[in-house]
């Protein structure tokens, strides 16, 4: 005989448990499942972080499961059945907790003047291992080849390529180019690096209209502007957008 059981699991940005429907699962009355210790160990192996000890991770996962078992009334059978979904939720919760702590640490270091820009120490290699090559002809690209560009990016960088005061520019590869490290897990690699004949260097992130105002865009803008400020005016950051592309190009033209 089977019994159906509904489980709702999610975490908010603080890592606290809230509800979200995962689905209805048929659970056999005769299915014995594994004990709670083995489930905790299974989850800990799959959501581990190098900087979190096994003891701390086990305690965290144990608290979550205890909440589900005791306060939410979910059975151990069901938790075993949805362990992969639970693993995904735990991963997201841990990322949110870690990001919150990293954001605070970043702010503390910024207030103490302990952050620095190391852009001047980066040297572009002789060549990049581009995954997809753009066939567009450019006159001021620093390399014979450039990484893939979408239609809007081509239109934008062609205008930069035609500026008299631009000495060179680079399509910055995501994996092997210049990047900024902030409080989020992933590093930020701006789309373009532009150098003018006057020695003004711009980091440029181009965003289409559909990405305007997104959380990711706002983060990159904040991080890029902080980096430019730390450089003492040696570098500039520009979040270029289709809606204001004329103003963006004009800014580079005057640099």
Foldseek 3Di string as FASTA:
>chain_A
DWDKDWAFWAADLQLHTDGDTPDIDTFDPPDPADDPQVLLVVLCVLQPDPPADSVRSSVSSVVVVCCCVPVVVDDPRVCRVCVVVVSVRNNSSVQSNQLVVQQVVQVVCVVVVNDAAPVVVDDDDPDDPAPAWDPDDADAAPDPIAHDDDPVRVVLVNLVSPQPFWNHKHQADLPPGDWDDGSHPGTHTAGMWTATNVQEIEREHEDEPVCPPPPVLVVVVVRQCVNCVNVVNNYYYYYHYPVCSVVVSVVVNVD
